[in-house]
Protein backbone atom coordinates (compact mmCIF):
# COMPACT_ATOMS: atom_id res chain seq x y z
CA UNK A 1 0.00 0.00 0.00
CA UNK A 2 1.13 3.50 -0.84
CA UNK A 3 0.61 5.74 2.24
CA UNK A 4 0.08 8.77 -0.02
CA UNK A 5 -3.12 7.10 -1.23
CA UNK A 6 -4.50 6.46 2.27
CA UNK A 7 -6.16 9.91 2.63
CA UNK A 8 -8.55 9.08 -0.20
CA UNK A 9 -10.09 6.29 1.87
CA UNK A 10 -10.70 8.63 4.81
CA UNK A 11 -11.15 12.07 3.23
CA UNK A 12 -12.25 11.35 -0.34
CA UNK A 13 -11.04 12.95 -3.56
CA UNK A 14 -11.57 16.53 -2.40
CA UNK A 15 -13.40 17.56 -5.57
CA UNK A 16 -16.65 18.45 -3.80
CA UNK A 17 -17.69 20.14 -0.52
CA UNK A 18 -18.45 16.74 1.02
CA UNK A 19 -14.77 15.79 1.09
CA UNK A 20 -13.49 15.16 4.58
CA UNK A 21 -16.99 14.93 6.01
CA UNK A 22 -19.08 11.89 7.07
CA UNK A 23 -21.24 12.50 3.99
CA UNK A 24 -18.35 11.80 1.59
CA UNK A 25 -18.98 8.82 -0.70
CA UNK A 26 -15.93 6.96 0.63
CA UNK A 27 -17.77 6.54 3.93
CA UNK A 28 -20.83 4.93 2.38
CA UNK A 29 -19.17 1.59 1.66
CA UNK A 30 -15.63 1.62 3.12
CA UNK A 31 -15.53 -2.17 3.36
CA UNK A 32 -15.98 -2.46 -0.41
CA UNK A 33 -13.09 -0.09 -1.08
CA UNK A 34 -10.85 -2.00 1.35
CA UNK A 35 -11.57 -5.36 -0.28
CA UNK A 36 -11.08 -4.03 -3.80
CA UNK A 37 -7.86 -2.28 -2.83
CA UNK A 38 -6.44 -5.54 -1.45
CA UNK A 39 -7.37 -7.41 -4.62
CA UNK A 40 -5.65 -4.81 -6.79
CA UNK A 41 -2.49 -4.87 -4.71
CA UNK A 42 -2.50 -8.68 -4.73
CA UNK A 43 -2.25 -8.44 -8.52
CA UNK A 44 1.08 -6.60 -8.26
CA UNK A 45 -0.08 -3.23 -9.54
CA UNK A 46 1.60 0.01 -8.52
CA UNK A 47 -0.65 2.26 -6.42
CA UNK A 48 -0.65 6.05 -6.83
CA UNK A 49 -3.00 8.96 -6.27
CA UNK A 50 -4.03 10.55 -9.59
CA UNK A 51 -6.94 12.90 -10.27
CA UNK A 52 -7.69 12.63 -6.55
CA UNK A 53 -8.43 8.88 -6.68
CA UNK A 54 -6.39 5.65 -6.33
CA UNK A 55 -4.87 4.75 -9.69
CA UNK A 56 -3.21 1.40 -10.39
CA UNK A 57 -0.54 1.04 -13.03
CA UNK A 58 1.81 -1.50 -14.56
CA UNK A 59 5.26 -0.34 -15.67
CA UNK A 60 4.10 3.31 -15.69
CA UNK A 61 1.00 2.54 -17.77
CA UNK A 62 -2.34 3.29 -16.13
CA UNK A 63 -4.49 0.16 -15.92
CA UNK A 64 -7.48 1.15 -13.79
CA UNK A 65 -8.76 3.36 -11.01
CA UNK A 66 -10.73 2.57 -7.87
CA UNK A 67 -13.38 5.02 -6.74
CA UNK A 68 -16.53 5.47 -4.71
CA UNK A 69 -19.63 6.89 -6.36
CA UNK A 70 -23.12 7.65 -5.16
CA UNK A 71 -24.63 4.26 -4.47
CA UNK A 72 -21.72 2.07 -5.54
CA UNK A 73 -17.96 1.57 -5.81
CA UNK A 74 -16.28 0.79 -9.11
CA UNK A 75 -13.18 -0.39 -10.88
CA UNK A 76 -12.64 1.65 -14.05
CA UNK A 77 -10.41 0.03 -16.68
CA UNK A 78 -8.72 2.58 -18.94
CA UNK A 79 -8.70 0.13 -21.87
CA UNK A 80 -11.69 -1.93 -20.81
CA UNK A 81 -12.98 -2.00 -24.38
CA UNK A 82 -10.08 -4.33 -25.24
CA UNK A 83 -11.01 -6.90 -22.59
CA UNK A 84 -12.88 -10.04 -23.64
CA UNK A 85 -15.50 -9.58 -20.89
CA UNK A 86 -16.51 -13.23 -20.98
CA UNK A 87 -18.62 -12.78 -17.85
CA UNK A 88 -20.45 -9.73 -19.18
CA UNK A 89 -19.71 -7.53 -16.16
CA UNK A 90 -18.20 -4.47 -17.86
CA UNK A 91 -20.27 -1.32 -18.41
CA UNK A 92 -19.71 1.85 -20.43
CA UNK A 93 -19.65 4.88 -18.12
CA UNK A 94 -21.23 7.06 -20.81
CA UNK A 95 -22.91 6.78 -24.17
CA UNK A 96 -19.92 8.15 -26.08
CA UNK A 97 -17.22 6.35 -24.10
CA UNK A 98 -14.96 4.30 -26.35
CA UNK A 99 -12.20 2.92 -24.16
CA UNK A 100 -13.12 2.94 -20.45
CA UNK A 101 -15.25 0.21 -18.91
CA UNK A 102 -16.57 -0.07 -15.34
CA UNK A 103 -17.40 -2.86 -12.95
CA UNK A 104 -19.81 -1.64 -10.27
CA UNK A 105 -20.18 -3.06 -6.76
CA UNK A 106 -22.73 -2.56 -4.01
CA UNK A 107 -22.13 -5.59 -1.79
CA UNK A 108 -18.95 -6.87 -0.11
CA UNK A 109 -20.02 -10.50 -0.39
CA UNK A 110 -20.46 -10.02 -4.12
CA UNK A 111 -16.83 -8.91 -4.44
CA UNK A 112 -15.58 -11.87 -2.39
CA UNK A 113 -17.50 -14.29 -4.59
CA UNK A 114 -16.14 -12.61 -7.74
CA UNK A 115 -12.52 -12.33 -6.59
CA UNK A 116 -11.16 -14.93 -9.00
CA UNK A 117 -13.05 -13.37 -11.92
CA UNK A 118 -11.90 -9.87 -10.99
CA UNK A 119 -8.28 -10.96 -10.82
CA UNK A 120 -8.63 -12.59 -14.23
CA UNK A 121 -9.90 -9.30 -15.66
CA UNK A 122 -7.09 -7.37 -13.98
CA UNK A 123 -4.42 -9.75 -15.26
CA UNK A 124 -5.95 -9.53 -18.74
CA UNK A 125 -5.73 -5.74 -18.53
CA UNK A 126 -2.06 -6.07 -17.53
CA UNK A 127 -1.46 -8.28 -20.57
CA UNK A 128 -3.04 -5.58 -22.74
CA UNK A 129 -0.39 -3.15 -21.46
CA UNK A 130 2.41 -5.68 -21.89
CA UNK A 131 1.37 -6.14 -25.50
CA UNK A 132 1.20 -2.39 -26.06
CA UNK A 133 -2.36 -2.59 -27.40
CA UNK A 134 -4.23 0.62 -28.16
CA UNK A 135 -7.92 1.37 -28.41
CA UNK A 136 -8.91 2.13 -32.00
CA UNK A 137 -10.89 5.32 -31.45
CA UNK A 138 -13.54 6.13 -34.02
CA UNK A 139 -12.45 8.98 -36.26
CA UNK A 140 -14.50 11.48 -38.11
CA UNK A 141 -17.31 11.49 -35.55
CA UNK A 142 -18.02 15.05 -34.51
CA UNK A 143 -17.97 15.63 -30.78
CA UNK A 144 -20.21 18.14 -29.08
CA UNK A 145 -18.39 20.46 -26.69
CA UNK A 146 -19.90 20.38 -23.20
CA UNK A 147 -21.50 23.75 -22.46
CA UNK A 148 -19.19 24.29 -19.48
CA UNK A 149 -16.09 23.73 -21.62
CA UNK A 150 -17.36 26.00 -24.40
CA UNK A 151 -18.04 28.78 -21.92
CA UNK A 152 -14.52 28.64 -20.49
CA UNK A 153 -13.03 28.53 -23.99
CA UNK A 154 -15.02 31.63 -24.92
CA UNK A 155 -14.05 33.52 -21.76
CA UNK A 156 -10.37 32.54 -21.52
CA UNK A 157 -8.35 33.08 -24.73
CA UNK A 158 -5.19 31.61 -23.17
CA UNK A 159 -6.97 28.41 -22.23
CA UNK A 160 -8.59 28.23 -25.67
CA UNK A 161 -5.17 28.50 -27.31
CA UNK A 162 -3.77 25.78 -25.03
CA UNK A 163 -6.69 23.44 -25.73
CA UNK A 164 -6.51 23.97 -29.48
CA UNK A 165 -2.76 23.28 -29.37
CA UNK A 166 -3.43 19.75 -28.10
CA UNK A 167 -3.41 16.88 -30.56
CA UNK A 168 -6.89 15.85 -31.80
CA UNK A 169 -6.63 12.64 -29.78
CA UNK A 170 -5.92 14.53 -26.56
CA UNK A 171 -8.75 16.95 -27.24
CA UNK A 172 -11.10 14.02 -27.83
CA UNK A 173 -9.96 12.33 -24.63
CA UNK A 174 -10.74 15.41 -22.57
CA UNK A 175 -14.09 16.02 -24.24
CA UNK A 176 -15.21 12.45 -23.69
CA UNK A 177 -14.10 12.62 -20.07
CA UNK A 178 -15.88 15.90 -19.45
CA UNK A 179 -19.04 14.80 -21.26
CA UNK A 180 -19.24 11.54 -19.34
CA UNK A 181 -20.20 13.41 -16.17
CA UNK A 182 -23.98 13.61 -15.84
CA UNK A 183 -24.14 16.75 -13.70
CA UNK A 184 -22.94 20.22 -14.64
CA UNK A 185 -20.99 20.83 -11.38
CA UNK A 186 -19.09 17.59 -11.94
CA UNK A 187 -18.28 18.52 -15.53
CA UNK A 188 -17.07 21.94 -14.41
CA UNK A 189 -14.98 20.41 -11.63
CA UNK A 190 -13.36 18.02 -14.09
CA UNK A 191 -12.51 20.85 -16.45
CA UNK A 192 -11.02 22.99 -13.69
CA UNK A 193 -8.94 20.09 -12.38
CA UNK A 194 -7.58 19.38 -15.87
CA UNK A 195 -6.75 22.96 -16.81
CA UNK A 196 -3.15 22.89 -15.48
CA UNK A 197 -2.50 19.70 -17.45
CA UNK A 198 -4.00 21.21 -20.59
CA UNK A 199 -1.85 24.34 -20.20
CA UNK A 200 1.17 22.02 -20.03
CA UNK A 201 0.17 20.37 -23.31
CA UNK A 202 -0.55 17.01 -21.74
CA UNK A 203 -3.36 14.58 -22.39
CA UNK A 204 -5.77 13.20 -19.86
CA UNK A 205 -3.68 10.11 -19.09
CA UNK A 206 -0.18 11.50 -19.71
């Protein structure tokens, strides 16, 4: 376990006013997070804190993140679309999501019963990184800018220049990530958190 990640499990990601309070999502199902964290570490992944949440990587390549949401906890595979998903447990977090896939959990016993399956999925995701596989993103499909992003682009010329300087793939990655959030405050929070990275010319997962 990486001690720098521990605060997430007690204080949350800090992206909303509930962080550090009993109402934070990490306090809704702490036993689920603890079990999932142990499973991930048992698979030999490196644990870091990225984007305010526990991120697990293999040889500096992000494999998945662990996070608490309203009503459930989830493992989010960065290249989940490349997994075979023989058990049919992966979900798309949003309609336009191309790469990321989730596995949602609401019960600790469910995780225990699925441990072998989960480890198989994790090891498959590691093999995807070992093989250097990439998700073949659809090209030519026009993306709609989230209203919150468009407003900031219109109001901040420097940020607009930085965003437009990104490669098309990096722009797409950000737009899909921002659009995947269902609520406007969450979309705005994601944009604000990513602004320093965008100004530095980096993509979402760089």
